Protein backbone atom coordinates (compact mmCIF):
# COMPACT_ATOMS: atom_id res chain seq x y z
CA MET A 1 23.36 42.64 21.85
CA ILE A 2 22.81 39.81 24.34
CA ASP A 3 19.02 40.20 23.99
CA VAL A 4 19.21 39.74 20.21
CA LEU A 5 21.51 36.74 20.62
CA SER A 6 19.14 35.22 23.20
CA ILE A 7 16.20 35.57 20.82
CA VAL A 8 18.18 33.96 17.99
CA PHE A 9 19.16 31.02 20.22
CA LEU A 10 15.57 30.63 21.41
CA ILE A 11 14.27 30.51 17.84
CA PHE A 12 17.06 28.12 16.88
CA GLY A 13 16.18 25.85 19.83
CA ILE A 14 12.50 25.78 18.90
CA LEU A 15 13.37 24.92 15.28
CA GLN A 16 15.60 22.09 16.51
CA ILE A 17 12.71 20.62 18.49
CA ILE A 18 10.41 20.86 15.45
CA LEU A 19 13.07 19.20 13.29
CA PHE A 20 13.41 16.38 15.80
CA PHE A 21 9.70 15.55 15.61
CA LYS A 22 9.71 15.83 11.81
CA VAL A 23 12.54 13.29 11.55
CA TRP A 24 10.79 11.04 14.04
CA GLY A 25 7.64 11.18 11.91
CA MET A 26 9.61 10.30 8.80
CA THR A 27 10.71 7.01 10.32
CA ASN A 28 7.10 5.85 9.99
CA ASN A 29 7.18 6.79 6.31
CA VAL A 30 10.27 4.63 5.81
CA LYS A 31 8.33 1.67 7.19
CA LYS A 32 5.49 2.37 4.74
CA ILE A 33 7.90 2.71 1.82
CA LYS A 34 9.65 -0.54 2.72
CA LYS A 35 6.32 -2.34 2.93
CA ARG A 36 5.24 -0.93 -0.42
CA LEU A 37 8.48 -2.06 -2.07
CA LEU A 38 8.02 -5.55 -0.69
CA ASP A 39 4.47 -5.60 -2.07
CA GLU A 40 5.74 -4.60 -5.51
CA SER A 41 8.10 -7.58 -5.49
CA SER A 42 5.06 -9.87 -5.21
CA PHE A 43 4.24 -8.98 -8.82
CA ASP A 44 7.64 -10.33 -9.80
CA ASP A 45 6.30 -13.83 -9.20
CA VAL A 46 3.42 -13.13 -11.58
CA ARG A 47 5.88 -11.90 -14.21
CA LYS A 48 8.04 -15.00 -13.75
CA ALA A 49 5.02 -17.25 -14.22
CA LEU A 50 4.08 -15.40 -17.40
CA LEU A 51 7.62 -15.62 -18.73
CA GLY A 52 7.52 -19.34 -18.00
CA ASP A 53 4.25 -19.51 -19.97
CA ASP A 54 2.30 -20.67 -16.92
CA LYS A 55 -0.89 -18.62 -17.19
CA GLU A 56 -2.73 -20.61 -14.52
CA LEU A 57 -0.02 -19.95 -11.94
CA ALA A 58 0.02 -16.27 -12.90
CA GLN A 59 -3.74 -16.10 -12.37
CA LYS A 60 -3.48 -17.79 -8.95
CA LEU A 61 -0.69 -15.44 -7.88
CA LEU A 62 -2.63 -12.40 -9.09
CA ILE A 63 -5.75 -13.49 -7.21
CA ASN A 64 -3.61 -14.12 -4.13
CA ASN A 65 -2.10 -10.62 -4.39
CA LEU A 66 -5.54 -9.06 -4.79
CA ILE A 67 -6.91 -10.89 -1.78
CA SER A 68 -3.87 -9.91 0.29
CA GLU A 69 -4.35 -6.25 -0.61
CA LEU A 70 -8.07 -6.40 0.20
CA ILE A 71 -7.35 -7.93 3.60
CA GLU A 72 -4.56 -5.44 4.30
CA TYR A 73 -6.88 -2.57 3.33
CA SER A 74 -9.60 -3.91 5.62
CA ASN A 75 -7.08 -3.84 8.49
CA ASN A 76 -5.65 -0.43 7.63
CA ARG A 77 -7.81 2.06 5.74
CA ASP A 78 -4.77 4.19 4.87
CA TYR A 79 -3.16 1.26 3.05
CA LYS A 80 -1.38 2.57 -0.05
CA GLY A 81 -3.73 5.52 -0.19
CA TYR A 82 -6.65 3.53 -1.58
CA SER A 83 -10.00 5.27 -1.21
CA ASN A 84 -12.20 2.16 -1.15
CA VAL A 85 -12.40 -1.54 -2.00
CA GLU A 86 -13.55 -0.88 -5.54
CA ALA A 87 -10.41 1.17 -6.23
CA ILE A 88 -8.25 -1.86 -5.42
CA ILE A 89 -10.34 -4.14 -7.60
CA ASP A 90 -10.26 -1.62 -10.48
CA ILE A 91 -6.47 -1.55 -10.41
CA TYR A 92 -6.33 -5.34 -10.60
CA LYS A 93 -8.84 -5.41 -13.48
CA ILE A 94 -6.10 -3.98 -15.67
CA SER A 95 -3.68 -6.79 -14.80
CA PHE A 96 -6.35 -9.44 -15.26
CA SER A 97 -7.39 -8.03 -18.64
CA LYS A 98 -3.77 -8.14 -19.81
CA LEU A 99 -3.87 -11.87 -19.10
CA GLY A 100 -7.18 -12.19 -20.92
CA LEU A 101 -8.84 -13.17 -17.66
CA ASP A 102 -11.56 -11.80 -15.44
CA ILE A 103 -11.58 -11.25 -11.69
CA PRO A 104 -13.54 -14.03 -9.95
CA ASP A 105 -17.18 -13.15 -9.28
CA ASN A 106 -16.97 -13.69 -5.52
CA ILE A 107 -14.27 -11.00 -5.34
CA LYS A 108 -16.11 -8.62 -7.69
CA LYS A 109 -19.13 -8.70 -5.38
CA ILE A 110 -17.14 -7.19 -2.49
CA LYS A 111 -17.98 -3.49 -2.13
CA THR A 112 -17.15 -2.62 1.48
CA ILE A 113 -14.61 -3.44 4.16
CA GLU A 114 -17.33 -4.95 6.30
CA GLU A 115 -17.97 -7.62 3.66
CA ILE A 116 -14.31 -8.63 3.85
CA LYS A 117 -14.37 -8.78 7.64
CA GLU A 118 -17.54 -10.90 7.61
CA LEU A 119 -15.70 -13.62 5.68
CA ILE A 120 -13.43 -14.38 8.62
């Protein structure tokens, strides 16, 4: 009986250690989620500018957000799960087209992370 109980406690102890490391790993995910939520709030400024009928300000804010995401992606390739620079630009094309605008040509030309890093 003691042998069976010892095995159960051993398995339980191992599972506790695994659980500890899983919870520790999740704390990094909380940081990513918090950062993502803060990034989403940056679009609130664009919405406010549009509600205030200030299309030029909305365009500037949208360009600023796009540039910030490109720079963040160049620093961290896992940023928001983007696969490449063109994926980020494609997502912003939708927002720009809703405004009846086009992404500036100097940003459209960017194809790789190295091109972003060369700018600085």
